Every structure is written in structure tokens, then in C-alpha cells.
């Protein structure tokens, strides 16, 4: 239980913050998804445009939300100083 609490407040786990792990995993998943879409197109199958738009909208929203949390944390720390 303590590990999840430390992750929630942004304490480093295994040398990398939880938020950094999320960013790296989102970028890796976007690359894999793009390669998969290119492979589908290369083999002559149709790619589903709505799926591509939905995927990138989801990942962009996740990263945007994570950056908003970070900005608010920095702003809060600046106000306390």
C-alpha cells in the first residue's frame, strides 16, 4: 500500500518518476501503433481512420492531463516559497 501512496505523490520509483514512466510508455505505444497501422496499409488492408483518430486523441489527452498536474504542482510549490 505504501508503494502506491509514494507513486501518487511523485516520489521516484526505480530511479524514474511514475509520470516519466507514463510519458515513455505512451510514446512507445504510439510508435508501435503507428508501425502497426503502416503494416496494415502496406499489406493492402484498410486502416480504420476513426481508430487512429481515437487512439491519438486518447494519448494526447492523457499527456495533456499529466502536464496539467505537473504545472499545478509547480505553481503550488512556487506559491509556497
PDB file of N, CA and C in Angstrom:
ATOM      1  N   UNK A   1       0.823  -1.190   0.000  1.00  0.00           N
ATOM      2  CA  UNK A   1       0.000   0.000   0.000  1.00  0.00           C
ATOM      3  C   UNK A   1       0.865   1.251   0.000  1.00  0.00           C
ATOM      4  N   UNK A   2       1.980   1.219   0.698  1.00  0.00           N
ATOM      5  CA  UNK A   2       2.862   2.374   0.767  1.00  0.00           C
ATOM      6  C   UNK A   2       3.443   2.724  -0.593  1.00  0.00           C
ATOM      7  N   UNK A   3       3.707   1.712  -1.407  1.00  0.00           N
ATOM      8  CA  UNK A   3       4.292   1.968  -2.721  1.00  0.00           C
ATOM      9  C   UNK A   3       3.343   2.793  -3.584  1.00  0.00           C
ATOM     10  N   UNK A   4       2.052   2.468  -3.554  1.00  0.00           N
ATOM     11  CA  UNK A   4       1.090   3.216  -4.352  1.00  0.00           C
ATOM     12  C   UNK A   4       0.950   4.644  -3.846  1.00  0.00           C
ATOM     13  N   UNK A   5       1.050   4.839  -2.542  1.00  0.00           N
ATOM     14  CA  UNK A   5       0.986   6.192  -1.989  1.00  0.00           C
ATOM     15  C   UNK A   5       2.194   7.000  -2.422  1.00  0.00           C
ATOM     16  N   UNK A   6       3.356   6.382  -2.465  1.00  0.00           N
ATOM     17  CA  UNK A   6       4.550   7.109  -2.889  1.00  0.00           C
ATOM     18  C   UNK A   6       4.487   7.446  -4.365  1.00  0.00           C
ATOM     19  N   UNK A   7       3.873   6.598  -5.162  1.00  0.00           N
ATOM     20  CA  UNK A   7       3.717   6.878  -6.588  1.00  0.00           C
ATOM     21  C   UNK A   7       2.781   8.059  -6.787  1.00  0.00           C
ATOM     22  N   UNK A   8       1.709   8.108  -6.007  1.00  0.00           N
ATOM     23  CA  UNK A   8       0.720   9.164  -6.170  1.00  0.00           C
ATOM     24  C   UNK A   8       1.297  10.545  -5.888  1.00  0.00           C
ATOM     25  N   UNK A   9       2.241  10.654  -4.992  1.00  0.00           N
ATOM     26  CA  UNK A   9       2.812  11.957  -4.673  1.00  0.00           C
ATOM     27  C   UNK A   9       4.039  12.268  -5.513  1.00  0.00           C
ATOM     28  N   UNK A  10       4.443  11.387  -6.403  1.00  0.00           N
ATOM     29  CA  UNK A  10       5.529  11.668  -7.330  1.00  0.00           C
ATOM     30  C   UNK A  10       6.908  11.300  -6.848  1.00  0.00           C
ATOM     31  N   UNK A  11       7.003  10.439  -5.863  1.00  0.00           N
ATOM     32  CA  UNK A  11       8.306  10.003  -5.372  1.00  0.00           C
ATOM     33  C   UNK A  11       8.905   9.054  -6.401  1.00  0.00           C
ATOM     34  N   UNK A  12      10.208   9.135  -6.559  1.00  0.00           N
ATOM     35  CA  UNK A  12      10.878   8.303  -7.548  1.00  0.00           C
ATOM     36  C   UNK A  12      10.798   6.827  -7.174  1.00  0.00           C
ATOM     37  N   UNK A  13      10.508   6.013  -8.158  1.00  0.00           N
ATOM     38  CA  UNK A  13      10.461   4.568  -8.003  1.00  0.00           C
ATOM     39  C   UNK A  13      11.400   3.987  -9.046  1.00  0.00           C
ATOM     40  N   UNK A  14      12.385   3.241  -8.612  1.00  0.00           N
ATOM     41  CA  UNK A  14      13.355   2.616  -9.504  1.00  0.00           C
ATOM     42  C   UNK A  14      14.110   3.651 -10.331  1.00  0.00           C
ATOM     43  N   UNK A  15      14.410   4.819  -9.747  1.00  0.00           N
ATOM     44  CA  UNK A  15      15.213   5.820 -10.425  1.00  0.00           C
ATOM     45  C   UNK A  15      14.465   6.680 -11.426  1.00  0.00           C
ATOM     46  N   UNK A  16      13.187   6.420 -11.659  1.00  0.00           N
ATOM     47  CA  UNK A  16      12.412   7.204 -12.615  1.00  0.00           C
ATOM     48  C   UNK A  16      11.049   7.498 -11.995  1.00  0.00           C
ATOM     49  N   UNK A  17      10.603   8.734 -12.092  1.00  0.00           N
ATOM     50  CA  UNK A  17       9.297   9.089 -11.550  1.00  0.00           C
ATOM     51  C   UNK A  17       8.199   8.380 -12.315  1.00  0.00           C
ATOM     52  N   UNK A  18       7.089   8.166 -11.637  1.00  0.00           N
ATOM     53  CA  UNK A  18       5.951   7.487 -12.247  1.00  0.00           C
ATOM     54  C   UNK A  18       5.461   8.232 -13.484  1.00  0.00           C
ATOM     55  N   UNK A  19       5.417   9.562 -13.409  1.00  0.00           N
ATOM     56  CA  UNK A  19       4.944  10.338 -14.556  1.00  0.00           C
ATOM     57  C   UNK A  19       5.876  10.179 -15.758  1.00  0.00           C
ATOM     58  N   UNK A  20       7.171  10.068 -15.499  1.00  0.00           N
ATOM     59  CA  UNK A  20       8.116   9.855 -16.600  1.00  0.00           C
ATOM     60  C   UNK A  20       7.902   8.490 -17.240  1.00  0.00           C
ATOM     61  N   UNK A  21       7.574   7.499 -16.431  1.00  0.00           N
ATOM     62  CA  UNK A  21       7.281   6.170 -16.981  1.00  0.00           C
ATOM     63  C   UNK A  21       6.040   6.212 -17.862  1.00  0.00           C
ATOM     64  N   UNK A  22       5.036   6.988 -17.453  1.00  0.00           N
ATOM     65  CA  UNK A  22       3.818   7.111 -18.258  1.00  0.00           C
ATOM     66  C   UNK A  22       4.144   7.752 -19.602  1.00  0.00           C
ATOM     67  N   UNK A  23       4.923   8.821 -19.596  1.00  0.00           N
ATOM     68  CA  UNK A  23       5.274   9.518 -20.842  1.00  0.00           C
ATOM     69  C   UNK A  23       6.047   8.595 -21.768  1.00  0.00           C
ATOM     70  N   UNK A  24       7.024   7.883 -21.242  1.00  0.00           N
ATOM     71  CA  UNK A  24       7.824   6.969 -22.060  1.00  0.00           C
ATOM     72  C   UNK A  24       6.946   5.852 -22.626  1.00  0.00           C
ATOM     73  N   UNK A  25       6.055   5.316 -21.816  1.00  0.00           N
ATOM     74  CA  UNK A  25       5.195   4.226 -22.306  1.00  0.00           C
ATOM     75  C   UNK A  25       4.207   4.728 -23.349  1.00  0.00           C
ATOM     76  N   UNK A  26       3.677   5.938 -23.201  1.00  0.00           N
ATOM     77  CA  UNK A  26       2.757   6.484 -24.203  1.00  0.00           C
ATOM     78  C   UNK A  26       3.485   6.693 -25.529  1.00  0.00           C
ATOM     79  N   UNK A  27       4.695   7.212 -25.472  1.00  0.00           N
ATOM     80  CA  UNK A  27       5.463   7.405 -26.709  1.00  0.00           C
ATOM     81  C   UNK A  27       5.760   6.060 -27.373  1.00  0.00           C
ATOM     82  N   UNK A  28       6.151   5.069 -26.582  1.00  0.00           N
ATOM     83  CA  UNK A  28       6.432   3.738 -27.138  1.00  0.00           C
ATOM     84  C   UNK A  28       5.170   3.118 -27.747  1.00  0.00           C
ATOM     85  N   UNK A  29       4.045   3.259 -27.066  1.00  0.00           N
ATOM     86  CA  UNK A  29       2.798   2.710 -27.601  1.00  0.00           C
ATOM     87  C   UNK A  29       2.368   3.437 -28.875  1.00  0.00           C
ATOM     88  N   UNK A  30       2.585   4.741 -28.945  1.00  0.00           N
ATOM     89  CA  UNK A  30       2.263   5.475 -30.173  1.00  0.00           C
ATOM     90  C   UNK A  30       3.115   5.000 -31.339  1.00  0.00           C
ATOM     91  N   UNK A  31       4.386   4.742 -31.076  1.00  0.00           N
ATOM     92  CA  UNK A  31       5.268   4.239 -32.129  1.00  0.00           C
ATOM     93  C   UNK A  31       4.812   2.857 -32.589  1.00  0.00           C
ATOM     94  N   UNK A  32       4.514   1.980 -31.644  1.00  0.00           N
ATOM     95  CA  UNK A  32       4.042   0.636 -32.008  1.00  0.00           C
ATOM     96  C   UNK A  32       2.727   0.687 -32.780  1.00  0.00           C
ATOM     97  N   UNK A  33       1.822   1.553 -32.355  1.00  0.00           N
ATOM     98  CA  UNK A  33       0.542   1.692 -33.047  1.00  0.00           C
ATOM     99  C   UNK A  33       0.760   2.201 -34.470  1.00  0.00           C
ATOM    100  N   UNK A  34       1.649   3.180 -34.631  1.00  0.00           N
ATOM    101  CA  UNK A  34       1.927   3.718 -35.966  1.00  0.00           C
ATOM    102  C   UNK A  34       2.540   2.663 -36.881  1.00  0.00           C
ATOM    103  N   UNK A  35       3.472   1.889 -36.342  1.00  0.00           N
ATOM    104  CA  UNK A  35       4.084   0.806 -37.127  1.00  0.00           C
ATOM    105  C   UNK A  35       3.016  -0.225 -37.510  1.00  0.00           C
ATOM    106  N   UNK A  36       2.134  -0.542 -36.591  1.00  0.00           N
ATOM    107  CA  UNK A  36       1.045  -1.477 -36.886  1.00  0.00           C
ATOM    108  C   UNK A  36       0.128  -0.959 -37.981  1.00  0.00           C
ATOM    109  N   UNK A  37      -0.208   0.328 -37.922  1.00  0.00           N
ATOM    110  CA  UNK A  37      -1.054   0.924 -38.961  1.00  0.00           C
ATOM    111  C   UNK A  37      -0.353   0.917 -40.314  1.00  0.00           C
ATOM    112  N   UNK A  38       0.940   1.223 -40.315  1.00  0.00           N
ATOM    113  CA  UNK A  38       1.688   1.186 -41.568  1.00  0.00           C
ATOM    114  C   UNK A  38       1.762  -0.233 -42.132  1.00  0.00           C
ATOM    115  N   UNK A  39       1.906  -1.215 -41.268  1.00  0.00           N
ATOM    116  CA  UNK A  39       1.944  -2.611 -41.720  1.00  0.00           C
ATOM    117  C   UNK A  39       0.609  -3.023 -42.327  1.00  0.00           C
ATOM    118  N   UNK A  40      -0.483  -2.592 -41.712  1.00  0.00           N
ATOM    119  CA  UNK A  40      -1.812  -2.906 -42.250  1.00  0.00           C
ATOM    120  C   UNK A  40      -1.988  -2.261 -43.618  1.00  0.00           C
ATOM    121  N   UNK A  41      -1.582  -1.022 -43.756  1.00  0.00           N
ATOM    122  CA  UNK A  41      -1.695  -0.333 -45.048  1.00  0.00           C
ATOM    123  C   UNK A  41      -0.781  -0.964 -46.093  1.00  0.00           C
ATOM    124  N   UNK A  42       0.406  -1.376 -45.682  1.00  0.00           N
ATOM    125  CA  UNK A  42       1.363  -1.982 -46.602  1.00  0.00           C
ATOM    126  C   UNK A  42       0.825  -3.276 -47.198  1.00  0.00           C
ATOM    127  N   UNK A  43       0.110  -4.042 -46.406  1.00  0.00           N
ATOM    128  CA  UNK A  43      -0.426  -5.322 -46.879  1.00  0.00           C
ATOM    129  C   UNK A  43      -1.741  -5.166 -47.622  1.00  0.00           C
ATOM    130  N   UNK A  44      -2.134  -3.932 -47.892  1.00  0.00           N
ATOM    131  CA  UNK A  44      -3.301  -3.694 -48.725  1.00  0.00           C
ATOM    132  C   UNK A  44      -4.616  -3.681 -47.982  1.00  0.00           C
ATOM    133  N   UNK A  45      -4.585  -3.842 -46.689  1.00  0.00           N
ATOM    134  CA  UNK A  45      -5.830  -3.790 -45.922  1.00  0.00           C
ATOM    135  C   UNK A  45      -6.150  -2.329 -45.621  1.00  0.00           C
ATOM    136  N   UNK A  46      -7.397  -2.083 -45.305  1.00  0.00           N
ATOM    137  CA  UNK A  46      -7.780  -0.723 -44.956  1.00  0.00           C
ATOM    138  C   UNK A  46      -7.468  -0.442 -43.507  1.00  0.00           C
ATOM    139  N   UNK A  47      -7.025   0.765 -43.256  1.00  0.00           N
ATOM    140  CA  UNK A  47      -6.877   1.189 -41.865  1.00  0.00           C
ATOM    141  C   UNK A  47      -8.146   1.940 -41.482  1.00  0.00           C
ATOM    142  N   UNK A  48      -8.509   1.848 -40.248  1.00  0.00           N
ATOM    143  CA  UNK A  48      -9.723   2.488 -39.766  1.00  0.00           C
ATOM    144  C   UNK A  48      -9.345   3.867 -39.244  1.00  0.00           C
ATOM    145  N   UNK A  49      -9.773   4.886 -39.965  1.00  0.00           N
ATOM    146  CA  UNK A  49      -9.393   6.254 -39.619  1.00  0.00           C
ATOM    147  C   UNK A  49      -9.916   6.651 -38.242  1.00  0.00           C
ATOM    148  N   UNK A  50     -11.109   6.210 -37.910  1.00  0.00           N
ATOM    149  CA  UNK A  50     -11.685   6.565 -36.607  1.00  0.00           C
ATOM    150  C   UNK A  50     -10.859   5.970 -35.465  1.00  0.00           C
ATOM    151  N   UNK A  51     -10.312   4.792 -35.671  1.00  0.00           N
ATOM    152  CA  UNK A  51      -9.469   4.164 -34.652  1.00  0.00           C
ATOM    153  C   UNK A  51      -8.187   4.959 -34.456  1.00  0.00           C
ATOM    154  N   UNK A  52      -7.592   5.393 -35.556  1.00  0.00           N
ATOM    155  CA  UNK A  52      -6.355   6.182 -35.470  1.00  0.00           C
ATOM    156  C   UNK A  52      -6.623   7.507 -34.769  1.00  0.00           C
ATOM    157  N   UNK A  53      -7.680   8.192 -35.148  1.00  0.00           N
ATOM    158  CA  UNK A  53      -8.023   9.466 -34.522  1.00  0.00           C
ATOM    159  C   UNK A  53      -8.320   9.259 -33.041  1.00  0.00           C
ATOM    160  N   UNK A  54      -9.066   8.237 -32.715  1.00  0.00           N
ATOM    161  CA  UNK A  54      -9.384   7.946 -31.319  1.00  0.00           C
ATOM    162  C   UNK A  54      -8.153   7.627 -30.491  1.00  0.00           C
ATOM    163  N   UNK A  55      -7.252   6.852 -31.062  1.00  0.00           N
ATOM    164  CA  UNK A  55      -6.025   6.478 -30.337  1.00  0.00           C
ATOM    165  C   UNK A  55      -5.182   7.698 -30.010  1.00  0.00           C
ATOM    166  N   UNK A  56      -4.922   8.523 -31.013  1.00  0.00           N
ATOM    167  CA  UNK A  56      -4.078   9.684 -30.771  1.00  0.00           C
ATOM    168  C   UNK A  56      -4.787  10.743 -29.930  1.00  0.00           C
ATOM    169  N   UNK A  57      -6.099  10.830 -30.031  1.00  0.00           N
ATOM    170  CA  UNK A  57      -6.844  11.739 -29.158  1.00  0.00           C
ATOM    171  C   UNK A  57      -6.728  11.292 -27.705  1.00  0.00           C
ATOM    172  N   UNK A  58      -6.827   9.987 -27.474  1.00  0.00           N
ATOM    173  CA  UNK A  58      -6.708   9.448 -26.119  1.00  0.00           C
ATOM    174  C   UNK A  58      -5.328   9.696 -25.532  1.00  0.00           C
ATOM    175  N   UNK A  59      -4.296   9.358 -26.292  1.00  0.00           N
ATOM    176  CA  UNK A  59      -2.945   9.518 -25.754  1.00  0.00           C
ATOM    177  C   UNK A  59      -2.578  10.994 -25.574  1.00  0.00           C
ATOM    178  N   UNK A  60      -3.041  11.851 -26.471  1.00  0.00           N
ATOM    179  CA  UNK A  60      -2.782  13.281 -26.320  1.00  0.00           C
ATOM    180  C   UNK A  60      -3.473  13.825 -25.087  1.00  0.00           C
ATOM    181  N   UNK A  61      -4.698  13.393 -24.845  1.00  0.00           N
ATOM    182  CA  UNK A  61      -5.438  13.830 -23.660  1.00  0.00           C
ATOM    183  C   UNK A  61      -4.751  13.365 -22.386  1.00  0.00           C
ATOM    184  N   UNK A  62      -4.248  12.144 -22.388  1.00  0.00           N
ATOM    185  CA  UNK A  62      -3.539  11.643 -21.212  1.00  0.00           C
ATOM    186  C   UNK A  62      -2.290  12.468 -20.921  1.00  0.00           C
ATOM    187  N   UNK A  63      -1.503  12.743 -21.950  1.00  0.00           N
ATOM    188  CA  UNK A  63      -0.290  13.539 -21.757  1.00  0.00           C
ATOM    189  C   UNK A  63      -0.622  14.975 -21.365  1.00  0.00           C
ATOM    190  N   UNK A  64      -1.676  15.535 -21.937  1.00  0.00           N
ATOM    191  CA  UNK A  64      -2.093  16.887 -21.595  1.00  0.00           C
ATOM    192  C   UNK A  64      -2.525  16.958 -20.127  1.00  0.00           C
ATOM    193  N   UNK A  65      -3.287  15.965 -19.686  1.00  0.00           N
ATOM    194  CA  UNK A  65      -3.705  15.923 -18.285  1.00  0.00           C
ATOM    195  C   UNK A  65      -2.525  15.773 -17.336  1.00  0.00           C
ATOM    196  N   UNK A  66      -1.568  14.957 -17.708  1.00  0.00           N
ATOM    197  CA  UNK A  66      -0.372  14.772 -16.893  1.00  0.00           C
ATOM    198  C   UNK A  66       0.441  16.059 -16.809  1.00  0.00           C
ATOM    199  N   UNK A  67       0.528  16.775 -17.920  1.00  0.00           N
ATOM    200  CA  UNK A  67       1.268  18.043 -17.895  1.00  0.00           C
ATOM    201  C   UNK A  67       0.536  19.090 -17.067  1.00  0.00           C
ATOM    202  N   UNK A  68      -0.797  19.055 -17.081  1.00  0.00           N
ATOM    203  CA  UNK A  68      -1.566  19.997 -16.264  1.00  0.00           C
ATOM    204  C   UNK A  68      -1.333  19.742 -14.777  1.00  0.00           C
ATOM    205  N   UNK A  69      -1.284  18.480 -14.385  1.00  0.00           N
ATOM    206  CA  UNK A  69      -0.995  18.133 -12.987  1.00  0.00           C
ATOM    207  C   UNK A  69       0.386  18.650 -12.609  1.00  0.00           C
ATOM    208  N   UNK A  70       1.358  18.479 -13.489  1.00  0.00           N
ATOM    209  CA  UNK A  70       2.724  18.934 -13.221  1.00  0.00           C
ATOM    210  C   UNK A  70       2.780  20.453 -13.100  1.00  0.00           C
ATOM    211  N   UNK A  71       2.091  21.158 -14.014  1.00  0.00           N
ATOM    212  CA  UNK A  71       2.077  22.625 -13.947  1.00  0.00           C
ATOM    213  C   UNK A  71       1.456  23.117 -12.655  1.00  0.00           C
ATOM    214  N   UNK A  72       0.356  22.506 -12.225  1.00  0.00           N
ATOM    215  CA  UNK A  72      -0.302  22.909 -10.983  1.00  0.00           C
ATOM    216  C   UNK A  72       0.594  22.640  -9.777  1.00  0.00           C
ATOM    217  N   UNK A  73       1.317  21.541  -9.808  1.00  0.00           N
ATOM    218  CA  UNK A  73       2.230  21.219  -8.708  1.00  0.00           C
ATOM    219  C   UNK A  73       3.350  22.246  -8.639  1.00  0.00           C
ATOM    220  N   UNK A  74       3.902  22.620  -9.783  1.00  0.00           N
ATOM    221  CA  UNK A  74       4.968  23.631  -9.810  1.00  0.00           C
ATOM    222  C   UNK A  74       4.427  24.971  -9.328  1.00  0.00           C
ATOM    223  N   UNK A  75       3.240  25.336  -9.791  1.00  0.00           N
ATOM    224  CA  UNK A  75       2.635  26.603  -9.377  1.00  0.00           C
ATOM    225  C   UNK A  75       2.381  26.619  -7.882  1.00  0.00           C
ATOM    226  N   UNK A  76       1.933  25.499  -7.337  1.00  0.00           N
ATOM    227  CA  UNK A  76       1.670  25.398  -5.902  1.00  0.00           C
ATOM    228  C   UNK A  76       2.988  25.531  -5.115  1.00  0.00           C
ATOM    229  N   UNK A  77       4.040  24.875  -5.608  1.00  0.00           N
ATOM    230  CA  UNK A  77       5.345  24.965  -4.945  1.00  0.00           C
ATOM    231  C   UNK A  77       5.892  26.392  -4.998  1.00  0.00           C
ATOM    232  N   UNK A  78       5.693  27.083  -6.117  1.00  0.00           N
ATOM    233  CA  UNK A  78       6.157  28.470  -6.236  1.00  0.00           C
ATOM    234  C   UNK A  78       5.409  29.400  -5.293  1.00  0.00           C
ATOM    235  N   UNK A  79       4.124  29.149  -5.090  1.00  0.00           N
ATOM    236  CA  UNK A  79       3.332  29.989  -4.196  1.00  0.00           C
ATOM    237  C   UNK A  79       3.692  29.765  -2.734  1.00  0.00           C
ATOM    238  N   UNK A  80       4.168  28.576  -2.400  1.00  0.00           N
ATOM    239  CA  UNK A  80       4.538  28.277  -1.018  1.00  0.00           C
ATOM    240  C   UNK A  80       5.889  28.858  -0.657  1.00  0.00           C
ATOM    241  N   UNK A  81       6.713  29.181  -1.648  1.00  0.00           N
ATOM    242  CA  UNK A  81       8.057  29.722  -1.365  1.00  0.00           C
ATOM    243  C   UNK A  81       8.033  31.170  -1.018  1.00  0.00           C
TER     244      UNK A  81
END
